[in-house]
Amino acid sequence: MENRFEIGRIVRAKNISDAWYRGLNIIWNHGQIITDERGSKIREFINLMVVIEDPYTDKIPQDTTWNEERLEEYAKQLISGENVRDFEYTYG
């Protein structure tokens, strides 16, 4: 079995929604299928850098279940280190 990994990519986008869709496209088309810590098959793409010109407009992609309230809760948990939902990692 051959392990072929790409070195990485840079996504440059006008806003968060645009970056989300561009990133998903790269992951879907070039990501490696792995098994995560829960045993689920997922795709990952190592070293994807995203540059967003205007992060204050069009912040939530339309085709997702995210909303402003959920994003705020998620951000607080990641930054504070409070791990109520058992995230694999936090930044706190």
Protein backbone atom coordinates (compact mmCIF):
# COMPACT_ATOMS: atom_id res chain seq x y z
CA MET A 1 0.00 0.00 0.00
CA GLU A 2 1.37 3.37 -1.01
CA ASN A 3 1.13 6.32 1.41
CA ARG A 4 0.73 9.42 -0.71
CA PHE A 5 0.37 12.67 1.17
CA GLU A 6 0.20 16.12 -0.33
CA ILE A 7 2.34 18.77 1.31
CA GLY A 8 -0.48 21.24 1.91
CA ARG A 9 -2.58 23.94 0.31
CA ILE A 10 -3.47 27.56 0.85
CA VAL A 11 -7.08 28.70 0.46
CA ARG A 12 -7.55 32.42 -0.12
CA ALA A 13 -11.15 33.54 0.23
CA LYS A 14 -13.19 36.74 0.51
CA ASN A 15 -15.17 35.58 3.55
CA ILE A 16 -15.68 32.64 5.91
CA SER A 17 -18.45 31.04 3.85
CA ASP A 18 -16.32 31.08 0.71
CA ALA A 19 -13.37 29.62 2.65
CA TRP A 20 -15.59 26.89 4.12
CA TYR A 21 -16.71 25.65 0.70
CA ARG A 22 -13.21 25.88 -0.81
CA GLY A 23 -11.74 23.97 2.14
CA LEU A 24 -14.41 21.27 1.96
CA ASN A 25 -13.69 20.84 -1.74
CA ILE A 26 -9.99 20.25 -1.05
CA ILE A 27 -10.70 17.84 1.81
CA TRP A 28 -13.29 15.90 -0.19
CA ASN A 29 -11.19 15.64 -3.36
CA HIS A 30 -7.69 15.33 -1.88
CA GLY A 31 -8.11 14.22 1.73
CA GLN A 32 -6.98 10.86 3.05
CA ILE A 33 -9.57 8.53 4.58
CA ILE A 34 -8.63 7.67 8.15
CA THR A 35 -10.32 6.16 11.20
CA ASP A 36 -10.78 8.68 14.03
CA GLU A 37 -10.63 8.03 17.78
CA ARG A 38 -14.32 6.99 17.83
CA GLY A 39 -13.82 4.45 15.03
CA SER A 40 -15.54 6.58 12.36
CA LYS A 41 -14.14 6.79 8.84
CA ILE A 42 -13.38 10.44 8.06
CA ARG A 43 -11.32 12.43 5.56
CA GLU A 44 -8.42 14.59 6.66
CA PHE A 45 -6.12 16.92 4.81
CA ILE A 46 -2.93 17.83 6.63
CA ASN A 47 -1.64 21.42 6.50
CA LEU A 48 -4.55 23.35 5.01
CA MET A 49 -3.98 27.08 5.55
CA VAL A 50 -6.92 29.44 5.13
CA VAL A 51 -6.56 33.18 4.51
CA ILE A 52 -9.80 35.20 4.78
CA GLU A 53 -9.89 38.78 3.49
CA ASP A 54 -13.02 39.90 5.38
CA PRO A 55 -13.91 37.62 8.31
CA TYR A 56 -16.71 39.94 9.46
CA THR A 57 -19.13 39.37 6.55
CA ASP A 58 -20.93 36.19 5.53
CA LYS A 59 -19.62 34.38 8.61
CA ILE A 60 -21.88 31.30 8.65
CA PRO A 61 -22.20 29.11 5.52
CA GLN A 62 -25.86 28.65 4.52
CA ASP A 63 -25.76 24.86 4.14
CA THR A 64 -24.73 24.19 7.76
CA THR A 65 -26.60 23.78 11.03
CA TRP A 66 -24.39 26.39 12.71
CA ASN A 67 -25.83 29.64 14.02
CA GLU A 68 -24.35 32.57 15.94
CA GLU A 69 -25.30 31.10 19.36
CA ARG A 70 -23.72 27.69 18.65
CA LEU A 71 -20.55 29.32 17.33
CA GLU A 72 -20.22 31.47 20.46
CA GLU A 73 -20.60 28.40 22.71
CA TYR A 74 -18.06 26.44 20.67
CA ALA A 75 -15.56 29.32 20.71
CA LYS A 76 -15.88 29.77 24.50
CA GLN A 77 -15.24 26.07 25.12
CA LEU A 78 -12.21 25.96 22.83
CA ILE A 79 -10.63 29.11 24.27
CA SER A 80 -11.42 28.49 27.96
CA GLY A 81 -10.43 24.83 28.02
CA GLU A 82 -13.81 23.95 29.53
CA ASN A 83 -14.56 20.65 27.81
CA VAL A 84 -18.26 20.10 28.42
CA ARG A 85 -18.85 18.22 25.18
CA ASP A 86 -15.66 16.11 25.24
CA PHE A 87 -13.93 17.79 22.33
CA GLU A 88 -10.72 15.97 21.47
CA TYR A 89 -8.77 19.18 22.14
CA THR A 90 -9.20 22.76 23.30
CA TYR A 91 -6.94 25.82 23.18
CA GLY A 92 -7.38 26.78 26.82
